Amino acid sequence: MRIPKTWVRPLTEKIIGKLVSEGQVEPSVKMDTLIAEAESIIVDELMVEDRLNDEVRGLLKKYESDIEKGRLDYRTMFDLTKHKLARERNLVL
């Protein structure tokens, strides 16, 4: 995650507060519930890249011996694999 989790709640409160105050959103649930749900969605979305990175690390374990022997560059393989998976899954990073 590119921002600390402790920042998500205040940012969510600002976003929801602005949307409600401008009349763009009319909550049908309590504000606390709305903010908690929005926070959960935002955290989940921010963690997409973390989960992808973990998956790429797992995939590259197969090539550990080649990487250690210098036949493959880990960083290059990591970046190529990550970008390929992101493209295939239509992920925005």
PDB file of N, CA and C in Angstrom:
ATOM      1  N   MET A   1       0.842  -1.161   0.000  1.00  0.00           N
ATOM      2  CA  MET A   1       0.000   0.000   0.000  1.00  0.00           C
ATOM      3  C   MET A   1       0.895   1.234   0.000  1.00  0.00           C
ATOM      4  N   ARG A   2       0.574   2.166  -0.828  1.00  0.00           N
ATOM      5  CA  ARG A   2       1.433   3.330  -0.985  1.00  0.00           C
ATOM      6  C   ARG A   2       1.224   4.403   0.070  1.00  0.00           C
ATOM      7  N   ILE A   3       0.121   4.340   0.782  1.00  0.00           N
ATOM      8  CA  ILE A   3      -0.101   5.288   1.864  1.00  0.00           C
ATOM      9  C   ILE A   3      -0.338   4.501   3.149  1.00  0.00           C
ATOM     10  N   PRO A   4      -0.019   5.098   4.289  1.00  0.00           N
ATOM     11  CA  PRO A   4      -0.258   4.387   5.550  1.00  0.00           C
ATOM     12  C   PRO A   4      -1.755   4.145   5.780  1.00  0.00           C
ATOM     13  N   LYS A   5      -2.076   2.996   6.368  1.00  0.00           N
ATOM     14  CA  LYS A   5      -3.477   2.671   6.628  1.00  0.00           C
ATOM     15  C   LYS A   5      -4.133   3.707   7.540  1.00  0.00           C
ATOM     16  N   THR A   6      -3.350   4.329   8.395  1.00  0.00           N
ATOM     17  CA  THR A   6      -3.904   5.320   9.320  1.00  0.00           C
ATOM     18  C   THR A   6      -4.432   6.559   8.597  1.00  0.00           C
ATOM     19  N   TRP A   7      -4.021   6.759   7.364  1.00  0.00           N
ATOM     20  CA  TRP A   7      -4.498   7.899   6.585  1.00  0.00           C
ATOM     21  C   TRP A   7      -5.841   7.620   5.916  1.00  0.00           C
ATOM     22  N   VAL A   8      -6.179   6.362   5.761  1.00  0.00           N
ATOM     23  CA  VAL A   8      -7.371   6.007   4.983  1.00  0.00           C
ATOM     24  C   VAL A   8      -8.645   6.522   5.652  1.00  0.00           C
ATOM     25  N   ARG A   9      -8.789   6.345   6.954  1.00  0.00           N
ATOM     26  CA  ARG A   9     -10.014   6.778   7.642  1.00  0.00           C
ATOM     27  C   ARG A   9     -10.239   8.288   7.478  1.00  0.00           C
ATOM     28  N   PRO A  10      -9.242   9.143   7.797  1.00  0.00           N
ATOM     29  CA  PRO A  10      -9.466  10.583   7.609  1.00  0.00           C
ATOM     30  C   PRO A  10      -9.769  10.967   6.161  1.00  0.00           C
ATOM     31  N   LEU A  11      -9.091  10.324   5.217  1.00  0.00           N
ATOM     32  CA  LEU A  11      -9.361  10.618   3.806  1.00  0.00           C
ATOM     33  C   LEU A  11     -10.777  10.201   3.429  1.00  0.00           C
ATOM     34  N   THR A  12     -11.194   9.053   3.907  1.00  0.00           N
ATOM     35  CA  THR A  12     -12.548   8.565   3.629  1.00  0.00           C
ATOM     36  C   THR A  12     -13.580   9.520   4.208  1.00  0.00           C
ATOM     37  N   GLU A  13     -13.356   9.969   5.439  1.00  0.00           N
ATOM     38  CA  GLU A  13     -14.283  10.911   6.074  1.00  0.00           C
ATOM     39  C   GLU A  13     -14.395  12.205   5.268  1.00  0.00           C
ATOM     40  N   LYS A  14     -13.256  12.694   4.771  1.00  0.00           N
ATOM     41  CA  LYS A  14     -13.277  13.920   3.955  1.00  0.00           C
ATOM     42  C   LYS A  14     -14.042  13.706   2.651  1.00  0.00           C
ATOM     43  N   ILE A  15     -13.765  12.596   1.983  1.00  0.00           N
ATOM     44  CA  ILE A  15     -14.415  12.310   0.700  1.00  0.00           C
ATOM     45  C   ILE A  15     -15.918  12.186   0.883  1.00  0.00           C
ATOM     46  N   ILE A  16     -16.339  11.353   1.839  1.00  0.00           N
ATOM     47  CA  ILE A  16     -17.766  11.142   2.075  1.00  0.00           C
ATOM     48  C   ILE A  16     -18.418  12.435   2.535  1.00  0.00           C
ATOM     49  N   GLY A  17     -17.752  13.141   3.428  1.00  0.00           N
ATOM     50  CA  GLY A  17     -18.295  14.414   3.910  1.00  0.00           C
ATOM     51  C   GLY A  17     -18.520  15.409   2.786  1.00  0.00           C
ATOM     52  N   LYS A  18     -17.566  15.512   1.886  1.00  0.00           N
ATOM     53  CA  LYS A  18     -17.684  16.441   0.753  1.00  0.00           C
ATOM     54  C   LYS A  18     -18.819  16.013  -0.189  1.00  0.00           C
ATOM     55  N   LEU A  19     -18.889  14.718  -0.486  1.00  0.00           N
ATOM     56  CA  LEU A  19     -19.946  14.232  -1.370  1.00  0.00           C
ATOM     57  C   LEU A  19     -21.335  14.489  -0.780  1.00  0.00           C
ATOM     58  N   VAL A  20     -21.473  14.285   0.515  1.00  0.00           N
ATOM     59  CA  VAL A  20     -22.768  14.502   1.174  1.00  0.00           C
ATOM     60  C   VAL A  20     -23.083  15.991   1.241  1.00  0.00           C
ATOM     61  N   SER A  21     -22.101  16.806   1.621  1.00  0.00           N
ATOM     62  CA  SER A  21     -22.353  18.249   1.760  1.00  0.00           C
ATOM     63  C   SER A  21     -22.695  18.913   0.424  1.00  0.00           C
ATOM     64  N   GLU A  22     -22.161  18.374  -0.666  1.00  0.00           N
ATOM     65  CA  GLU A  22     -22.461  18.928  -1.990  1.00  0.00           C
ATOM     66  C   GLU A  22     -23.723  18.327  -2.597  1.00  0.00           C
ATOM     67  N   GLY A  23     -24.337  17.407  -1.885  1.00  0.00           N
ATOM     68  CA  GLY A  23     -25.575  16.818  -2.365  1.00  0.00           C
ATOM     69  C   GLY A  23     -25.388  15.780  -3.473  1.00  0.00           C
ATOM     70  N   GLN A  24     -24.168  15.322  -3.661  1.00  0.00           N
ATOM     71  CA  GLN A  24     -23.906  14.318  -4.696  1.00  0.00           C
ATOM     72  C   GLN A  24     -24.255  12.914  -4.226  1.00  0.00           C
ATOM     73  N   VAL A  25     -24.325  12.753  -2.899  1.00  0.00           N
ATOM     74  CA  VAL A  25     -24.668  11.470  -2.301  1.00  0.00           C
ATOM     75  C   VAL A  25     -25.668  11.740  -1.184  1.00  0.00           C
ATOM     76  N   GLU A  26     -26.715  10.925  -1.162  1.00  0.00           N
ATOM     77  CA  GLU A  26     -27.685  11.016  -0.073  1.00  0.00           C
ATOM     78  C   GLU A  26     -27.661   9.672   0.651  1.00  0.00           C
ATOM     79  N   PRO A  27     -26.994   9.637   1.810  1.00  0.00           N
ATOM     80  CA  PRO A  27     -26.839   8.357   2.497  1.00  0.00           C
ATOM     81  C   PRO A  27     -28.171   7.783   2.986  1.00  0.00           C
ATOM     82  N   SER A  28     -28.317   6.479   2.811  1.00  0.00           N
ATOM     83  CA  SER A  28     -29.514   5.802   3.300  1.00  0.00           C
ATOM     84  C   SER A  28     -29.195   5.002   4.567  1.00  0.00           C
ATOM     85  N   VAL A  29     -27.937   5.098   5.016  1.00  0.00           N
ATOM     86  CA  VAL A  29     -27.498   4.463   6.253  1.00  0.00           C
ATOM     87  C   VAL A  29     -26.811   5.526   7.108  1.00  0.00           C
ATOM     88  N   LYS A  30     -26.482   5.172   8.340  1.00  0.00           N
ATOM     89  CA  LYS A  30     -25.771   6.111   9.215  1.00  0.00           C
ATOM     90  C   LYS A  30     -24.424   6.476   8.593  1.00  0.00           C
ATOM     91  N   MET A  31     -23.990   7.691   8.858  1.00  0.00           N
ATOM     92  CA  MET A  31     -22.707   8.164   8.312  1.00  0.00           C
ATOM     93  C   MET A  31     -21.561   7.252   8.741  1.00  0.00           C
ATOM     94  N   ASP A  32     -21.566   6.791   9.994  1.00  0.00           N
ATOM     95  CA  ASP A  32     -20.495   5.912  10.465  1.00  0.00           C
ATOM     96  C   ASP A  32     -20.433   4.624   9.651  1.00  0.00           C
ATOM     97  N   THR A  33     -21.599   4.082   9.343  1.00  0.00           N
ATOM     98  CA  THR A  33     -21.665   2.857   8.555  1.00  0.00           C
ATOM     99  C   THR A  33     -21.164   3.110   7.140  1.00  0.00           C
ATOM    100  N   LEU A  34     -21.602   4.204   6.557  1.00  0.00           N
ATOM    101  CA  LEU A  34     -21.176   4.568   5.204  1.00  0.00           C
ATOM    102  C   LEU A  34     -19.668   4.764   5.142  1.00  0.00           C
ATOM    103  N   ILE A  35     -19.125   5.471   6.111  1.00  0.00           N
ATOM    104  CA  ILE A  35     -17.681   5.729   6.140  1.00  0.00           C
ATOM    105  C   ILE A  35     -16.910   4.426   6.330  1.00  0.00           C
ATOM    106  N   ALA A  36     -17.388   3.553   7.217  1.00  0.00           N
ATOM    107  CA  ALA A  36     -16.709   2.279   7.449  1.00  0.00           C
ATOM    108  C   ALA A  36     -16.696   1.417   6.190  1.00  0.00           C
ATOM    109  N   GLU A  37     -17.824   1.365   5.488  1.00  0.00           N
ATOM    110  CA  GLU A  37     -17.891   0.575   4.246  1.00  0.00           C
ATOM    111  C   GLU A  37     -16.986   1.163   3.172  1.00  0.00           C
ATOM    112  N   ALA A  38     -17.008   2.482   3.039  1.00  0.00           N
ATOM    113  CA  ALA A  38     -16.155   3.142   2.042  1.00  0.00           C
ATOM    114  C   ALA A  38     -14.682   2.923   2.380  1.00  0.00           C
ATOM    115  N   GLU A  39     -14.353   2.996   3.651  1.00  0.00           N
ATOM    116  CA  GLU A  39     -12.972   2.764   4.085  1.00  0.00           C
ATOM    117  C   GLU A  39     -12.522   1.351   3.727  1.00  0.00           C
ATOM    118  N   SER A  40     -13.379   0.387   3.945  1.00  0.00           N
ATOM    119  CA  SER A  40     -13.073  -1.005   3.632  1.00  0.00           C
ATOM    120  C   SER A  40     -12.809  -1.175   2.135  1.00  0.00           C
ATOM    121  N   ILE A  41     -13.643  -0.544   1.321  1.00  0.00           N
ATOM    122  CA  ILE A  41     -13.485  -0.626  -0.136  1.00  0.00           C
ATOM    123  C   ILE A  41     -12.185   0.033  -0.578  1.00  0.00           C
ATOM    124  N   ILE A  42     -11.876   1.181  -0.002  1.00  0.00           N
ATOM    125  CA  ILE A  42     -10.656   1.903  -0.372  1.00  0.00           C
ATOM    126  C   ILE A  42      -9.419   1.099   0.026  1.00  0.00           C
ATOM    127  N   VAL A  43      -9.408   0.550   1.238  1.00  0.00           N
ATOM    128  CA  VAL A  43      -8.265  -0.253   1.685  1.00  0.00           C
ATOM    129  C   VAL A  43      -8.084  -1.462   0.775  1.00  0.00           C
ATOM    130  N   ASP A  44      -9.187  -2.124   0.446  1.00  0.00           N
ATOM    131  CA  ASP A  44      -9.115  -3.286  -0.436  1.00  0.00           C
ATOM    132  C   ASP A  44      -8.524  -2.900  -1.787  1.00  0.00           C
ATOM    133  N   GLU A  45      -8.935  -1.781  -2.327  1.00  0.00           N
ATOM    134  CA  GLU A  45      -8.440  -1.330  -3.630  1.00  0.00           C
ATOM    135  C   GLU A  45      -6.962  -0.944  -3.555  1.00  0.00           C
ATOM    136  N   LEU A  46      -6.569  -0.324  -2.454  1.00  0.00           N
ATOM    137  CA  LEU A  46      -5.172   0.070  -2.303  1.00  0.00           C
ATOM    138  C   LEU A  46      -4.251  -1.132  -2.129  1.00  0.00           C
ATOM    139  N   MET A  47      -4.793  -2.239  -1.667  1.00  0.00           N
ATOM    140  CA  MET A  47      -3.981  -3.425  -1.426  1.00  0.00           C
ATOM    141  C   MET A  47      -3.868  -4.338  -2.654  1.00  0.00           C
ATOM    142  N   VAL A  48      -4.505  -3.969  -3.749  1.00  0.00           N
ATOM    143  CA  VAL A  48      -4.424  -4.766  -4.980  1.00  0.00           C
ATOM    144  C   VAL A  48      -2.968  -4.949  -5.396  1.00  0.00           C
ATOM    145  N   GLU A  49      -2.200  -3.886  -5.366  1.00  0.00           N
ATOM    146  CA  GLU A  49      -0.806  -3.974  -5.792  1.00  0.00           C
ATOM    147  C   GLU A  49       0.009  -4.840  -4.830  1.00  0.00           C
ATOM    148  N   ASP A  50      -0.270  -4.747  -3.536  1.00  0.00           N
ATOM    149  CA  ASP A  50       0.437  -5.591  -2.566  1.00  0.00           C
ATOM    150  C   ASP A  50       0.180  -7.072  -2.840  1.00  0.00           C
ATOM    151  N   ARG A  51      -1.076  -7.415  -3.097  1.00  0.00           N
ATOM    152  CA  ARG A  51      -1.412  -8.811  -3.388  1.00  0.00           C
ATOM    153  C   ARG A  51      -0.755  -9.274  -4.680  1.00  0.00           C
ATOM    154  N   LEU A  52      -0.723  -8.397  -5.686  1.00  0.00           N
ATOM    155  CA  LEU A  52      -0.074  -8.740  -6.958  1.00  0.00           C
ATOM    156  C   LEU A  52       1.425  -8.963  -6.743  1.00  0.00           C
ATOM    157  N   ASN A  53       2.064  -8.092  -5.963  1.00  0.00           N
ATOM    158  CA  ASN A  53       3.492  -8.254  -5.669  1.00  0.00           C
ATOM    159  C   ASN A  53       3.765  -9.597  -4.995  1.00  0.00           C
ATOM    160  N   ASP A  54       2.915  -9.980  -4.045  1.00  0.00           N
ATOM    161  CA  ASP A  54       3.080 -11.266  -3.366  1.00  0.00           C
ATOM    162  C   ASP A  54       2.958 -12.425  -4.357  1.00  0.00           C
ATOM    163  N   GLU A  55       2.000 -12.317  -5.262  1.00  0.00           N
ATOM    164  CA  GLU A  55       1.804 -13.369  -6.260  1.00  0.00           C
ATOM    165  C   GLU A  55       3.022 -13.476  -7.187  1.00  0.00           C
ATOM    166  N   VAL A  56       3.556 -12.341  -7.611  1.00  0.00           N
ATOM    167  CA  VAL A  56       4.718 -12.342  -8.498  1.00  0.00           C
ATOM    168  C   VAL A  56       5.916 -12.960  -7.779  1.00  0.00           C
ATOM    169  N   ARG A  57       6.116 -12.623  -6.501  1.00  0.00           N
ATOM    170  CA  ARG A  57       7.221 -13.219  -5.746  1.00  0.00           C
ATOM    171  C   ARG A  57       7.080 -14.741  -5.718  1.00  0.00           C
ATOM    172  N   GLY A  58       5.846 -15.206  -5.516  1.00  0.00           N
ATOM    173  CA  GLY A  58       5.600 -16.641  -5.503  1.00  0.00           C
ATOM    174  C   GLY A  58       5.913 -17.287  -6.846  1.00  0.00           C
ATOM    175  N   LEU A  59       5.521 -16.627  -7.922  1.00  0.00           N
ATOM    176  CA  LEU A  59       5.791 -17.166  -9.259  1.00  0.00           C
ATOM    177  C   LEU A  59       7.286 -17.223  -9.556  1.00  0.00           C
ATOM    178  N   LEU A  60       8.021 -16.225  -9.084  1.00  0.00           N
ATOM    179  CA  LEU A  60       9.453 -16.163  -9.382  1.00  0.00           C
ATOM    180  C   LEU A  60      10.275 -17.140  -8.541  1.00  0.00           C
ATOM    181  N   LYS A  61       9.676 -17.719  -7.506  1.00  0.00           N
ATOM    182  CA  LYS A  61      10.400 -18.722  -6.707  1.00  0.00           C
ATOM    183  C   LYS A  61      10.836 -19.905  -7.561  1.00  0.00           C
ATOM    184  N   LYS A  62      10.076 -20.191  -8.614  1.00  0.00           N
ATOM    185  CA  LYS A  62      10.419 -21.288  -9.524  1.00  0.00           C
ATOM    186  C   LYS A  62      11.770 -21.051 -10.199  1.00  0.00           C
ATOM    187  N   TYR A  63      12.130 -19.798 -10.336  1.00  0.00           N
ATOM    188  CA  TYR A  63      13.339 -19.437 -11.067  1.00  0.00           C
ATOM    189  C   TYR A  63      14.478 -19.004 -10.145  1.00  0.00           C
ATOM    190  N   GLU A  64      14.372 -19.339  -8.868  1.00  0.00           N
ATOM    191  CA  GLU A  64      15.380 -18.919  -7.896  1.00  0.00           C
ATOM    192  C   GLU A  64      16.789 -19.351  -8.283  1.00  0.00           C
ATOM    193  N   SER A  65      16.929 -20.580  -8.713  1.00  0.00           N
ATOM    194  CA  SER A  65      18.274 -21.070  -9.038  1.00  0.00           C
ATOM    195  C   SER A  65      18.863 -20.305 -10.223  1.00  0.00           C
ATOM    196  N   ASP A  66      18.058 -20.024 -11.237  1.00  0.00           N
ATOM    197  CA  ASP A  66      18.551 -19.256 -12.388  1.00  0.00           C
ATOM    198  C   ASP A  66      18.896 -17.826 -11.987  1.00  0.00           C
ATOM    199  N   ILE A  67      18.113 -17.264 -11.103  1.00  0.00           N
ATOM    200  CA  ILE A  67      18.369 -15.895 -10.650  1.00  0.00           C
ATOM    201  C   ILE A  67      19.662 -15.868  -9.836  1.00  0.00           C
ATOM    202  N   GLU A  68      19.826 -16.857  -8.943  1.00  0.00           N
ATOM    203  CA  GLU A  68      21.039 -16.905  -8.120  1.00  0.00           C
ATOM    204  C   GLU A  68      22.289 -17.128  -8.961  1.00  0.00           C
ATOM    205  N   LYS A  69      22.161 -17.873 -10.035  1.00  0.00           N
ATOM    206  CA  LYS A  69      23.308 -18.133 -10.901  1.00  0.00           C
ATOM    207  C   LYS A  69      23.598 -16.961 -11.831  1.00  0.00           C
ATOM    208  N   GLY A  70      22.760 -15.953 -11.797  1.00  0.00           N
ATOM    209  CA  GLY A  70      22.994 -14.767 -12.609  1.00  0.00           C
ATOM    210  C   GLY A  70      22.452 -14.855 -14.017  1.00  0.00           C
ATOM    211  N   ARG A  71      21.704 -15.902 -14.323  1.00  0.00           N
ATOM    212  CA  ARG A  71      21.145 -16.044 -15.674  1.00  0.00           C
ATOM    213  C   ARG A  71      19.945 -15.127 -15.887  1.00  0.00           C
ATOM    214  N   LEU A  72      19.264 -14.813 -14.788  1.00  0.00           N
ATOM    215  CA  LEU A  72      18.103 -13.929 -14.874  1.00  0.00           C
ATOM    216  C   LEU A  72      18.247 -12.809 -13.850  1.00  0.00           C
ATOM    217  N   ASP A  73      17.779 -11.641 -14.205  1.00  0.00           N
ATOM    218  CA  ASP A  73      17.793 -10.510 -13.285  1.00  0.00           C
ATOM    219  C   ASP A  73      16.445 -10.464 -12.565  1.00  0.00           C
ATOM    220  N   TYR A  74      16.476 -10.577 -11.229  1.00  0.00           N
ATOM    221  CA  TYR A  74      15.242 -10.653 -10.449  1.00  0.00           C
ATOM    222  C   TYR A  74      14.356  -9.422 -10.671  1.00  0.00           C
ATOM    223  N   ARG A  75      14.944  -8.246 -10.587  1.00  0.00           N
ATOM    224  CA  ARG A  75      14.161  -7.007 -10.699  1.00  0.00           C
ATOM    225  C   ARG A  75      13.472  -6.919 -12.064  1.00  0.00           C
ATOM    226  N   THR A  76      14.190  -7.255 -13.113  1.00  0.00           N
ATOM    227  CA  THR A  76      13.625  -7.218 -14.456  1.00  0.00           C
ATOM    228  C   THR A  76      12.489  -8.225 -14.591  1.00  0.00           C
ATOM    229  N   MET A  77      12.731  -9.442 -14.122  1.00  0.00           N
ATOM    230  CA  MET A  77      11.699 -10.479 -14.185  1.00  0.00           C
ATOM    231  C   MET A  77      10.470 -10.079 -13.360  1.00  0.00           C
ATOM    232  N   PHE A  78      10.721  -9.506 -12.190  1.00  0.00           N
ATOM    233  CA  PHE A  78       9.627  -9.077 -11.317  1.00  0.00           C
ATOM    234  C   PHE A  78       8.766  -8.040 -12.027  1.00  0.00           C
ATOM    235  N   ASP A  79       9.420  -7.015 -12.560  1.00  0.00           N
ATOM    236  CA  ASP A  79       8.684  -5.933 -13.240  1.00  0.00           C
ATOM    237  C   ASP A  79       7.917  -6.443 -14.458  1.00  0.00           C
ATOM    238  N   LEU A  80       8.565  -7.266 -15.275  1.00  0.00           N
ATOM    239  CA  LEU A  80       7.903  -7.799 -16.472  1.00  0.00           C
ATOM    240  C   LEU A  80       6.685  -8.649 -16.101  1.00  0.00           C
ATOM    241  N   THR A  81       6.865  -9.512 -15.107  1.00  0.00           N
ATOM    242  CA  THR A  81       5.770 -10.390 -14.682  1.00  0.00           C
ATOM    243  C   THR A  81       4.631  -9.578 -14.095  1.00  0.00           C
ATOM    244  N   LYS A  82       4.965  -8.608 -13.263  1.00  0.00           N
ATOM    245  CA  LYS A  82       3.944  -7.769 -12.625  1.00  0.00           C
ATOM    246  C   LYS A  82       3.144  -6.999 -13.670  1.00  0.00           C
ATOM    247  N   HIS A  83       3.822  -6.387 -14.614  1.00  0.00           N
ATOM    248  CA  HIS A  83       3.120  -5.616 -15.646  1.00  0.00           C
ATOM    249  C   HIS A  83       2.264  -6.511 -16.540  1.00  0.00           C
ATOM    250  N   LYS A  84       2.765  -7.713 -16.824  1.00  0.00           N
ATOM    251  CA  LYS A  84       2.001  -8.646 -17.649  1.00  0.00           C
ATOM    252  C   LYS A  84       0.708  -9.062 -16.934  1.00  0.00           C
ATOM    253  N   LEU A  85       0.826  -9.423 -15.666  1.00  0.00           N
ATOM    254  CA  LEU A  85      -0.365  -9.818 -14.908  1.00  0.00           C
ATOM    255  C   LEU A  85      -1.346  -8.652 -14.758  1.00  0.00           C
ATOM    256  N   ALA A  86      -0.824  -7.463 -14.521  1.00  0.00           N
ATOM    257  CA  ALA A  86      -1.687  -6.289 -14.383  1.00  0.00           C
ATOM    258  C   ALA A  86      -2.455  -6.024 -15.681  1.00  0.00           C
ATOM    259  N   ARG A  87      -1.772  -6.154 -16.810  1.00  0.00           N
ATOM    260  CA  ARG A  87      -2.432  -5.956 -18.110  1.00  0.00           C
ATOM    261  C   ARG A  87      -3.506  -7.016 -18.342  1.00  0.00           C
ATOM    262  N   GLU A  88      -3.152  -8.275 -18.074  1.00  0.00           N
ATOM    263  CA  GLU A  88      -4.098  -9.375 -18.292  1.00  0.00           C
ATOM    264  C   GLU A  88      -5.350  -9.231 -17.433  1.00  0.00           C
ATOM    265  N   ARG A  89      -5.192  -8.684 -16.242  1.00  0.00           N
ATOM    266  CA  ARG A  89      -6.308  -8.574 -15.305  1.00  0.00           C
ATOM    267  C   ARG A  89      -6.956  -7.191 -15.295  1.00  0.00           C
ATOM    268  N   ASN A  90      -6.492  -6.326 -16.187  1.00  0.00           N
ATOM    269  CA  ASN A  90      -7.012  -4.961 -16.266  1.00  0.00           C
ATOM    270  C   ASN A  90      -6.937  -4.241 -14.924  1.00  0.00           C
ATOM    271  N   LEU A  91      -5.776  -4.385 -14.250  1.00  0.00           N
ATOM    272  CA  LEU A  91      -5.580  -3.726 -12.967  1.00  0.00           C
ATOM    273  C   LEU A  91      -4.968  -2.362 -13.187  1.00  0.00           C
ATOM    274  N   VAL A  92      -5.418  -1.398 -12.433  1.00  0.00           N
ATOM    275  CA  VAL A  92      -4.829  -0.065 -12.455  1.00  0.00           C
ATOM    276  C   VAL A  92      -3.953   0.039 -11.221  1.00  0.00           C
ATOM    277  N   LEU A  93      -2.656   0.234 -11.450  1.00  0.00           N
ATOM    278  CA  LEU A  93      -1.711   0.308 -10.333  1.00  0.00           C
ATOM    279  C   LEU A  93      -1.280   1.721 -10.068  1.00  0.00           C
TER     280      LEU A  93
END
